Amino acid sequence: MSDVIANIFGSAAAVCSVTSFAPQAIKIWKERDASSVSLKTYSLTVTCFALWVVYGVMTQAWPVTAANSCALVMAACVLAMKWRFRDGDPEAKEGT
């Protein structure tokens, strides 16, 4: 397989990995509610991406490091919002 084709597939995978967290993050932010998001799943996902980043650095696989660093940031944002909005927005509930 040519390097160009492999790089196209790798780049597409990286873009999909990074952007896959955007819909969940946007939904949580708009609704200020993350009660339906699994804390265990996102904790494991963040750990997974952190390990991939370490692997990428140790093997000097910079595409792996860069892609997984971006995905780590996105997944960590969802995890942080899970903690922040785990029971919904308390301020929104006060107004009702």
PDB file of N, CA and C in Angstrom:
ATOM      1  N   MET A   1       0.863  -1.168   0.000  1.00  0.00           N
ATOM      2  CA  MET A   1       0.000   0.000   0.000  1.00  0.00           C
ATOM      3  C   MET A   1       0.914   1.237   0.000  1.00  0.00           C
ATOM      4  N   SER A   2       0.532   2.222  -0.745  1.00  0.00           N
ATOM      5  CA  SER A   2       1.374   3.413  -0.823  1.00  0.00           C
ATOM      6  C   SER A   2       1.262   4.237   0.456  1.00  0.00           C
ATOM      7  N   ASP A   3       2.320   4.984   0.738  1.00  0.00           N
ATOM      8  CA  ASP A   3       2.333   5.836   1.930  1.00  0.00           C
ATOM      9  C   ASP A   3       1.253   6.907   1.868  1.00  0.00           C
ATOM     10  N   VAL A   4       0.961   7.396   0.665  1.00  0.00           N
ATOM     11  CA  VAL A   4      -0.057   8.442   0.525  1.00  0.00           C
ATOM     12  C   VAL A   4      -1.424   7.920   0.965  1.00  0.00           C
ATOM     13  N   ILE A   5      -1.778   6.738   0.512  1.00  0.00           N
ATOM     14  CA  ILE A   5      -3.072   6.157   0.879  1.00  0.00           C
ATOM     15  C   ILE A   5      -3.120   5.874   2.384  1.00  0.00           C
ATOM     16  N   ALA A   6      -2.034   5.341   2.925  1.00  0.00           N
ATOM     17  CA  ALA A   6      -1.984   5.074   4.365  1.00  0.00           C
ATOM     18  C   ALA A   6      -2.128   6.375   5.150  1.00  0.00           C
ATOM     19  N   ASN A   7      -1.484   7.433   4.706  1.00  0.00           N
ATOM     20  CA  ASN A   7      -1.584   8.726   5.389  1.00  0.00           C
ATOM     21  C   ASN A   7      -2.985   9.322   5.283  1.00  0.00           C
ATOM     22  N   ILE A   8      -3.650   9.101   4.168  1.00  0.00           N
ATOM     23  CA  ILE A   8      -5.030   9.575   4.015  1.00  0.00           C
ATOM     24  C   ILE A   8      -5.939   8.874   5.027  1.00  0.00           C
ATOM     25  N   PHE A   9      -5.793   7.553   5.127  1.00  0.00           N
ATOM     26  CA  PHE A   9      -6.598   6.803   6.094  1.00  0.00           C
ATOM     27  C   PHE A   9      -6.260   7.202   7.531  1.00  0.00           C
ATOM     28  N   GLY A  10      -4.982   7.368   7.815  1.00  0.00           N
ATOM     29  CA  GLY A  10      -4.573   7.781   9.156  1.00  0.00           C
ATOM     30  C   GLY A  10      -5.091   9.158   9.514  1.00  0.00           C
ATOM     31  N   SER A  11      -5.040  10.079   8.566  1.00  0.00           N
ATOM     32  CA  SER A  11      -5.542  11.437   8.805  1.00  0.00           C
ATOM     33  C   SER A  11      -7.048  11.431   9.019  1.00  0.00           C
ATOM     34  N   ALA A  12      -7.757  10.644   8.215  1.00  0.00           N
ATOM     35  CA  ALA A  12      -9.208  10.537   8.374  1.00  0.00           C
ATOM     36  C   ALA A  12      -9.554   9.956   9.742  1.00  0.00           C
ATOM     37  N   ALA A  13      -8.808   8.956  10.186  1.00  0.00           N
ATOM     38  CA  ALA A  13      -9.040   8.357  11.497  1.00  0.00           C
ATOM     39  C   ALA A  13      -8.795   9.377  12.608  1.00  0.00           C
ATOM     40  N   ALA A  14      -7.753  10.169  12.460  1.00  0.00           N
ATOM     41  CA  ALA A  14      -7.434  11.191  13.467  1.00  0.00           C
ATOM     42  C   ALA A  14      -8.544  12.236  13.553  1.00  0.00           C
ATOM     43  N   VAL A  15      -9.022  12.693  12.408  1.00  0.00           N
ATOM     44  CA  VAL A  15     -10.095  13.691  12.382  1.00  0.00           C
ATOM     45  C   VAL A  15     -11.362  13.110  13.013  1.00  0.00           C
ATOM     46  N   CYS A  16     -11.684  11.880  12.684  1.00  0.00           N
ATOM     47  CA  CYS A  16     -12.870  11.236  13.267  1.00  0.00           C
ATOM     48  C   CYS A  16     -12.727  11.079  14.782  1.00  0.00           C
ATOM     49  N   SER A  17     -11.551  10.675  15.241  1.00  0.00           N
ATOM     50  CA  SER A  17     -11.331  10.512  16.684  1.00  0.00           C
ATOM     51  C   SER A  17     -11.522  11.817  17.429  1.00  0.00           C
ATOM     52  N   VAL A  18     -10.956  12.878  16.883  1.00  0.00           N
ATOM     53  CA  VAL A  18     -11.023  14.171  17.562  1.00  0.00           C
ATOM     54  C   VAL A  18     -12.436  14.740  17.535  1.00  0.00           C
ATOM     55  N   THR A  19     -13.074  14.701  16.385  1.00  0.00           N
ATOM     56  CA  THR A  19     -14.389  15.330  16.253  1.00  0.00           C
ATOM     57  C   THR A  19     -15.525  14.483  16.828  1.00  0.00           C
ATOM     58  N   SER A  20     -15.270  13.219  17.108  1.00  0.00           N
ATOM     59  CA  SER A  20     -16.343  12.356  17.607  1.00  0.00           C
ATOM     60  C   SER A  20     -16.879  12.801  18.966  1.00  0.00           C
ATOM     61  N   PHE A  21     -16.103  13.575  19.702  1.00  0.00           N
ATOM     62  CA  PHE A  21     -16.544  14.035  21.018  1.00  0.00           C
ATOM     63  C   PHE A  21     -17.305  15.355  20.953  1.00  0.00           C
ATOM     64  N   ALA A  22     -17.235  16.038  19.842  1.00  0.00           N
ATOM     65  CA  ALA A  22     -17.861  17.355  19.719  1.00  0.00           C
ATOM     66  C   ALA A  22     -19.378  17.309  19.920  1.00  0.00           C
ATOM     67  N   PRO A  23     -20.119  16.397  19.301  1.00  0.00           N
ATOM     68  CA  PRO A  23     -21.578  16.403  19.511  1.00  0.00           C
ATOM     69  C   PRO A  23     -21.972  16.231  20.980  1.00  0.00           C
ATOM     70  N   GLN A  24     -21.270  15.337  21.687  1.00  0.00           N
ATOM     71  CA  GLN A  24     -21.583  15.127  23.104  1.00  0.00           C
ATOM     72  C   GLN A  24     -21.241  16.368  23.912  1.00  0.00           C
ATOM     73  N   ALA A  25     -20.087  16.963  23.645  1.00  0.00           N
ATOM     74  CA  ALA A  25     -19.670  18.163  24.380  1.00  0.00           C
ATOM     75  C   ALA A  25     -20.644  19.315  24.147  1.00  0.00           C
ATOM     76  N   ILE A  26     -21.064  19.498  22.917  1.00  0.00           N
ATOM     77  CA  ILE A  26     -22.004  20.580  22.586  1.00  0.00           C
ATOM     78  C   ILE A  26     -23.349  20.349  23.276  1.00  0.00           C
ATOM     79  N   LYS A  27     -23.817  19.109  23.249  1.00  0.00           N
ATOM     80  CA  LYS A  27     -25.101  18.781  23.882  1.00  0.00           C
ATOM     81  C   LYS A  27     -25.050  19.054  25.384  1.00  0.00           C
ATOM     82  N   ILE A  28     -23.979  18.616  26.034  1.00  0.00           N
ATOM     83  CA  ILE A  28     -23.859  18.851  27.476  1.00  0.00           C
ATOM     84  C   ILE A  28     -23.809  20.348  27.760  1.00  0.00           C
ATOM     85  N   TRP A  29     -23.034  21.072  26.983  1.00  0.00           N
ATOM     86  CA  TRP A  29     -22.878  22.509  27.225  1.00  0.00           C
ATOM     87  C   TRP A  29     -24.203  23.251  27.052  1.00  0.00           C
ATOM     88  N   LYS A  30     -24.937  22.921  25.994  1.00  0.00           N
ATOM     89  CA  LYS A  30     -26.213  23.598  25.741  1.00  0.00           C
ATOM     90  C   LYS A  30     -27.250  23.277  26.803  1.00  0.00           C
ATOM     91  N   GLU A  31     -27.339  22.016  27.182  1.00  0.00           N
ATOM     92  CA  GLU A  31     -28.365  21.577  28.131  1.00  0.00           C
ATOM     93  C   GLU A  31     -27.931  21.724  29.589  1.00  0.00           C
ATOM     94  N   ARG A  32     -26.641  21.914  29.806  1.00  0.00           N
ATOM     95  CA  ARG A  32     -26.089  21.991  31.164  1.00  0.00           C
ATOM     96  C   ARG A  32     -26.477  20.762  31.982  1.00  0.00           C
ATOM     97  N   ASP A  33     -26.479  19.622  31.306  1.00  0.00           N
ATOM     98  CA  ASP A  33     -26.866  18.366  31.951  1.00  0.00           C
ATOM     99  C   ASP A  33     -26.031  17.229  31.378  1.00  0.00           C
ATOM    100  N   ALA A  34     -25.308  16.549  32.241  1.00  0.00           N
ATOM    101  CA  ALA A  34     -24.504  15.405  31.817  1.00  0.00           C
ATOM    102  C   ALA A  34     -24.882  14.152  32.591  1.00  0.00           C
ATOM    103  N   SER A  35     -26.074  14.146  33.145  1.00  0.00           N
ATOM    104  CA  SER A  35     -26.498  13.016  33.970  1.00  0.00           C
ATOM    105  C   SER A  35     -26.575  11.707  33.188  1.00  0.00           C
ATOM    106  N   SER A  36     -26.780  11.786  31.882  1.00  0.00           N
ATOM    107  CA  SER A  36     -26.878  10.561  31.084  1.00  0.00           C
ATOM    108  C   SER A  36     -25.528  10.085  30.535  1.00  0.00           C
ATOM    109  N   VAL A  37     -24.468  10.822  30.801  1.00  0.00           N
ATOM    110  CA  VAL A  37     -23.134  10.458  30.323  1.00  0.00           C
ATOM    111  C   VAL A  37     -22.487   9.526  31.339  1.00  0.00           C
ATOM    112  N   SER A  38     -21.874   8.461  30.866  1.00  0.00           N
ATOM    113  CA  SER A  38     -21.238   7.485  31.740  1.00  0.00           C
ATOM    114  C   SER A  38     -19.878   7.988  32.230  1.00  0.00           C
ATOM    115  N   LEU A  39     -19.753   8.160  33.530  1.00  0.00           N
ATOM    116  CA  LEU A  39     -18.490   8.584  34.127  1.00  0.00           C
ATOM    117  C   LEU A  39     -17.404   7.524  33.907  1.00  0.00           C
ATOM    118  N   LYS A  40     -17.763   6.266  34.041  1.00  0.00           N
ATOM    119  CA  LYS A  40     -16.789   5.184  33.854  1.00  0.00           C
ATOM    120  C   LYS A  40     -16.279   5.143  32.419  1.00  0.00           C
ATOM    121  N   THR A  41     -17.184   5.299  31.465  1.00  0.00           N
ATOM    122  CA  THR A  41     -16.787   5.257  30.061  1.00  0.00           C
ATOM    123  C   THR A  41     -15.823   6.386  29.723  1.00  0.00           C
ATOM    124  N   TYR A  42     -16.167   7.600  30.122  1.00  0.00           N
ATOM    125  CA  TYR A  42     -15.301   8.731  29.784  1.00  0.00           C
ATOM    126  C   TYR A  42     -14.011   8.715  30.596  1.00  0.00           C
ATOM    127  N   SER A  43     -14.024   8.194  31.795  1.00  0.00           N
ATOM    128  CA  SER A  43     -12.788   8.046  32.565  1.00  0.00           C
ATOM    129  C   SER A  43     -11.844   7.074  31.858  1.00  0.00           C
ATOM    130  N   LEU A  44     -12.402   5.970  31.393  1.00  0.00           N
ATOM    131  CA  LEU A  44     -11.600   4.990  30.660  1.00  0.00           C
ATOM    132  C   LEU A  44     -11.108   5.556  29.332  1.00  0.00           C
ATOM    133  N   THR A  45     -11.956   6.311  28.639  1.00  0.00           N
ATOM    134  CA  THR A  45     -11.577   6.905  27.360  1.00  0.00           C
ATOM    135  C   THR A  45     -10.433   7.898  27.531  1.00  0.00           C
ATOM    136  N   VAL A  46     -10.520   8.739  28.545  1.00  0.00           N
ATOM    137  CA  VAL A  46      -9.446   9.707  28.807  1.00  0.00           C
ATOM    138  C   VAL A  46      -8.153   8.969  29.148  1.00  0.00           C
ATOM    139  N   THR A  47      -8.251   7.929  29.964  1.00  0.00           N
ATOM    140  CA  THR A  47      -7.072   7.132  30.293  1.00  0.00           C
ATOM    141  C   THR A  47      -6.470   6.507  29.042  1.00  0.00           C
ATOM    142  N   CYS A  48      -7.315   5.989  28.181  1.00  0.00           N
ATOM    143  CA  CYS A  48      -6.868   5.372  26.931  1.00  0.00           C
ATOM    144  C   CYS A  48      -6.095   6.366  26.067  1.00  0.00           C
ATOM    145  N   PHE A  49      -6.652   7.556  25.869  1.00  0.00           N
ATOM    146  CA  PHE A  49      -5.974   8.556  25.047  1.00  0.00           C
ATOM    147  C   PHE A  49      -4.670   9.009  25.700  1.00  0.00           C
ATOM    148  N   ALA A  50      -4.649   9.121  27.020  1.00  0.00           N
ATOM    149  CA  ALA A  50      -3.412   9.502  27.715  1.00  0.00           C
ATOM    150  C   ALA A  50      -2.330   8.452  27.476  1.00  0.00           C
ATOM    151  N   LEU A  51      -2.710   7.183  27.540  1.00  0.00           N
ATOM    152  CA  LEU A  51      -1.742   6.111  27.279  1.00  0.00           C
ATOM    153  C   LEU A  51      -1.241   6.139  25.834  1.00  0.00           C
ATOM    154  N   TRP A  52      -2.131   6.423  24.887  1.00  0.00           N
ATOM    155  CA  TRP A  52      -1.709   6.538  23.486  1.00  0.00           C
ATOM    156  C   TRP A  52      -0.729   7.692  23.296  1.00  0.00           C
ATOM    157  N   VAL A  53      -0.962   8.790  24.011  1.00  0.00           N
ATOM    158  CA  VAL A  53      -0.035   9.931  23.927  1.00  0.00           C
ATOM    159  C   VAL A  53       1.338   9.528  24.459  1.00  0.00           C
ATOM    160  N   VAL A  54       1.356   8.851  25.595  1.00  0.00           N
ATOM    161  CA  VAL A  54       2.634   8.387  26.154  1.00  0.00           C
ATOM    162  C   VAL A  54       3.326   7.445  25.179  1.00  0.00           C
ATOM    163  N   TYR A  55       2.576   6.520  24.612  1.00  0.00           N
ATOM    164  CA  TYR A  55       3.133   5.597  23.622  1.00  0.00           C
ATOM    165  C   TYR A  55       3.710   6.368  22.430  1.00  0.00           C
ATOM    166  N   GLY A  56       2.958   7.338  21.931  1.00  0.00           N
ATOM    167  CA  GLY A  56       3.417   8.123  20.790  1.00  0.00           C
ATOM    168  C   GLY A  56       4.699   8.877  21.086  1.00  0.00           C
ATOM    169  N   VAL A  57       4.795   9.432  22.293  1.00  0.00           N
ATOM    170  CA  VAL A  57       6.017  10.153  22.681  1.00  0.00           C
ATOM    171  C   VAL A  57       7.186   9.177  22.814  1.00  0.00           C
ATOM    172  N   MET A  58       6.941   8.055  23.470  1.00  0.00           N
ATOM    173  CA  MET A  58       8.019   7.083  23.696  1.00  0.00           C
ATOM    174  C   MET A  58       8.557   6.493  22.399  1.00  0.00           C
ATOM    175  N   THR A  59       7.695   6.315  21.422  1.00  0.00           N
ATOM    176  CA  THR A  59       8.120   5.730  20.144  1.00  0.00           C
ATOM    177  C   THR A  59       8.406   6.801  19.094  1.00  0.00           C
ATOM    178  N   GLN A  60       8.267   8.052  19.482  1.00  0.00           N
ATOM    179  CA  GLN A  60       8.443   9.195  18.590  1.00  0.00           C
ATOM    180  C   GLN A  60       7.539   9.106  17.359  1.00  0.00           C
ATOM    181  N   ALA A  61       6.335   8.577  17.581  1.00  0.00           N
ATOM    182  CA  ALA A  61       5.313   8.506  16.531  1.00  0.00           C
ATOM    183  C   ALA A  61       4.467   9.771  16.657  1.00  0.00           C
ATOM    184  N   TRP A  62       4.942  10.856  16.060  1.00  0.00           N
ATOM    185  CA  TRP A  62       4.326  12.161  16.264  1.00  0.00           C
ATOM    186  C   TRP A  62       2.903  12.263  15.735  1.00  0.00           C
ATOM    187  N   PRO A  63       2.545  11.605  14.654  1.00  0.00           N
ATOM    188  CA  PRO A  63       1.123  11.636  14.246  1.00  0.00           C
ATOM    189  C   PRO A  63       0.213  10.995  15.303  1.00  0.00           C
ATOM    190  N   VAL A  64       0.675   9.904  15.893  1.00  0.00           N
ATOM    191  CA  VAL A  64      -0.094   9.249  16.958  1.00  0.00           C
ATOM    192  C   VAL A  64      -0.198  10.184  18.165  1.00  0.00           C
ATOM    193  N   THR A  65       0.918  10.814  18.504  1.00  0.00           N
ATOM    194  CA  THR A  65       0.936  11.740  19.641  1.00  0.00           C
ATOM    195  C   THR A  65       0.002  12.920  19.410  1.00  0.00           C
ATOM    196  N   ALA A  66       0.087  13.532  18.247  1.00  0.00           N
ATOM    197  CA  ALA A  66      -0.725  14.722  17.956  1.00  0.00           C
ATOM    198  C   ALA A  66      -2.212  14.389  17.925  1.00  0.00           C
ATOM    199  N   ALA A  67      -2.581  13.343  17.207  1.00  0.00           N
ATOM    200  CA  ALA A  67      -3.996  12.980  17.083  1.00  0.00           C
ATOM    201  C   ALA A  67      -4.590  12.614  18.431  1.00  0.00           C
ATOM    202  N   ASN A  68      -3.873  11.818  19.199  1.00  0.00           N
ATOM    203  CA  ASN A  68      -4.401  11.387  20.490  1.00  0.00           C
ATOM    204  C   ASN A  68      -4.354  12.493  21.531  1.00  0.00           C
ATOM    205  N   SER A  69      -3.456  13.441  21.394  1.00  0.00           N
ATOM    206  CA  SER A  69      -3.453  14.606  22.282  1.00  0.00           C
ATOM    207  C   SER A  69      -4.708  15.440  22.070  1.00  0.00           C
ATOM    208  N   CYS A  70      -5.061  15.651  20.828  1.00  0.00           N
ATOM    209  CA  CYS A  70      -6.284  16.407  20.517  1.00  0.00           C
ATOM    210  C   CYS A  70      -7.517  15.666  21.008  1.00  0.00           C
ATOM    211  N   ALA A  71      -7.567  14.357  20.775  1.00  0.00           N
ATOM    212  CA  ALA A  71      -8.703  13.562  21.231  1.00  0.00           C
ATOM    213  C   ALA A  71      -8.754  13.538  22.768  1.00  0.00           C
ATOM    214  N   LEU A  72      -7.590  13.512  23.403  1.00  0.00           N
ATOM    215  CA  LEU A  72      -7.526  13.552  24.866  1.00  0.00           C
ATOM    216  C   LEU A  72      -8.143  14.837  25.401  1.00  0.00           C
ATOM    217  N   VAL A  73      -7.833  15.948  24.772  1.00  0.00           N
ATOM    218  CA  VAL A  73      -8.401  17.234  25.199  1.00  0.00           C
ATOM    219  C   VAL A  73      -9.919  17.224  25.062  1.00  0.00           C
ATOM    220  N   MET A  74     -10.409  16.738  23.931  1.00  0.00           N
ATOM    221  CA  MET A  74     -11.862  16.704  23.716  1.00  0.00           C
ATOM    222  C   MET A  74     -12.556  15.788  24.724  1.00  0.00           C
ATOM    223  N   ALA A  75     -12.021  14.596  24.920  1.00  0.00           N
ATOM    224  CA  ALA A  75     -12.629  13.656  25.869  1.00  0.00           C
ATOM    225  C   ALA A  75     -12.536  14.194  27.296  1.00  0.00           C
ATOM    226  N   ALA A  76     -11.428  14.848  27.627  1.00  0.00           N
ATOM    227  CA  ALA A  76     -11.274  15.425  28.960  1.00  0.00           C
ATOM    228  C   ALA A  76     -12.282  16.554  29.185  1.00  0.00           C
ATOM    229  N   CYS A  77     -12.596  17.303  28.142  1.00  0.00           N
ATOM    230  CA  CYS A  77     -13.615  18.350  28.263  1.00  0.00           C
ATOM    231  C   CYS A  77     -14.976  17.742  28.584  1.00  0.00           C
ATOM    232  N   VAL A  78     -15.324  16.664  27.909  1.00  0.00           N
ATOM    233  CA  VAL A  78     -16.594  15.987  28.202  1.00  0.00           C
ATOM    234  C   VAL A  78     -16.572  15.464  29.634  1.00  0.00           C
ATOM    235  N   LEU A  79     -15.453  14.873  30.058  1.00  0.00           N
ATOM    236  CA  LEU A  79     -15.351  14.352  31.414  1.00  0.00           C
ATOM    237  C   LEU A  79     -15.465  15.481  32.444  1.00  0.00           C
ATOM    238  N   ALA A  80     -14.825  16.606  32.188  1.00  0.00           N
ATOM    239  CA  ALA A  80     -14.917  17.752  33.099  1.00  0.00           C
ATOM    240  C   ALA A  80     -16.351  18.268  33.185  1.00  0.00           C
ATOM    241  N   MET A  81     -17.038  18.316  32.040  1.00  0.00           N
ATOM    242  CA  MET A  81     -18.433  18.749  32.067  1.00  0.00           C
ATOM    243  C   MET A  81     -19.322  17.725  32.757  1.00  0.00           C
ATOM    244  N   LYS A  82     -18.949  16.451  32.682  1.00  0.00           N
ATOM    245  CA  LYS A  82     -19.688  15.416  33.411  1.00  0.00           C
ATOM    246  C   LYS A  82     -19.642  15.711  34.899  1.00  0.00           C
ATOM    247  N   TRP A  83     -18.471  16.077  35.405  1.00  0.00           N
ATOM    248  CA  TRP A  83     -18.365  16.411  36.828  1.00  0.00           C
ATOM    249  C   TRP A  83     -19.103  17.711  37.141  1.00  0.00           C
ATOM    250  N   ARG A  84     -18.989  18.689  36.249  1.00  0.00           N
ATOM    251  CA  ARG A  84     -19.603  20.002  36.490  1.00  0.00           C
ATOM    252  C   ARG A  84     -21.127  19.945  36.419  1.00  0.00           C
ATOM    253  N   PHE A  85     -21.656  19.229  35.433  1.00  0.00           N
ATOM    254  CA  PHE A  85     -23.096  19.194  35.192  1.00  0.00           C
ATOM    255  C   PHE A  85     -23.683  17.802  35.459  1.00  0.00           C
ATOM    256  N   ARG A  86     -23.125  17.068  36.392  1.00  0.00           N
ATOM    257  CA  ARG A  86     -23.561  15.683  36.613  1.00  0.00           C
ATOM    258  C   ARG A  86     -25.029  15.565  37.015  1.00  0.00           C
ATOM    259  N   ASP A  87     -25.528  16.575  37.695  1.00  0.00           N
ATOM    260  CA  ASP A  87     -26.935  16.553  38.119  1.00  0.00           C
ATOM    261  C   ASP A  87     -27.745  17.627  37.416  1.00  0.00           C
ATOM    262  N   GLY A  88     -27.276  18.083  36.281  1.00  0.00           N
ATOM    263  CA  GLY A  88     -27.916  19.200  35.609  1.00  0.00           C
ATOM    264  C   GLY A  88     -27.370  20.505  36.154  1.00  0.00           C
ATOM    265  N   ASP A  89     -27.838  21.602  35.636  1.00  0.00           N
ATOM    266  CA  ASP A  89     -27.382  22.921  36.056  1.00  0.00           C
ATOM    267  C   ASP A  89     -28.145  23.352  37.298  1.00  0.00           C
ATOM    268  N   PRO A  90     -27.457  23.471  38.455  1.00  0.00           N
ATOM    269  CA  PRO A  90     -28.166  23.860  39.676  1.00  0.00           C
ATOM    270  C   PRO A  90     -28.796  25.244  39.573  1.00  0.00           C
ATOM    271  N   GLU A  91     -28.182  26.143  38.823  1.00  0.00           N
ATOM    272  CA  GLU A  91     -28.737  27.482  38.661  1.00  0.00           C
ATOM    273  C   GLU A  91     -30.044  27.459  37.887  1.00  0.00           C
ATOM    274  N   ALA A  92     -30.143  26.573  36.908  1.00  0.00           N
ATOM    275  CA  ALA A  92     -31.375  26.451  36.137  1.00  0.00           C
ATOM    276  C   ALA A  92     -32.512  25.914  37.003  1.00  0.00           C
ATOM    277  N   LYS A  93     -32.184  25.031  37.936  1.00  0.00           N
ATOM    278  CA  LYS A  93     -33.196  24.448  38.813  1.00  0.00           C
ATOM    279  C   LYS A  93     -33.699  25.450  39.841  1.00  0.00           C
ATOM    280  N   GLU A  94     -32.848  26.396  40.243  1.00  0.00           N
ATOM    281  CA  GLU A  94     -33.247  27.403  41.214  1.00  0.00           C
ATOM    282  C   GLU A  94     -34.323  28.319  40.659  1.00  0.00           C
ATOM    283  N   GLY A  95     -34.282  28.545  39.352  1.00  0.00           N
ATOM    284  CA  GLY A  95     -35.239  29.463  38.728  1.00  0.00           C
ATOM    285  C   GLY A  95     -36.600  28.834  38.507  1.00  0.00           C
ATOM    286  N   THR A  96     -36.720  27.518  38.707  1.00  0.00           N
ATOM    287  CA  THR A  96     -38.016  26.860  38.467  1.00  0.00           C
ATOM    288  C   THR A  96     -38.836  26.762  39.709  1.00  0.00           C
TER     289      THR A  96
END
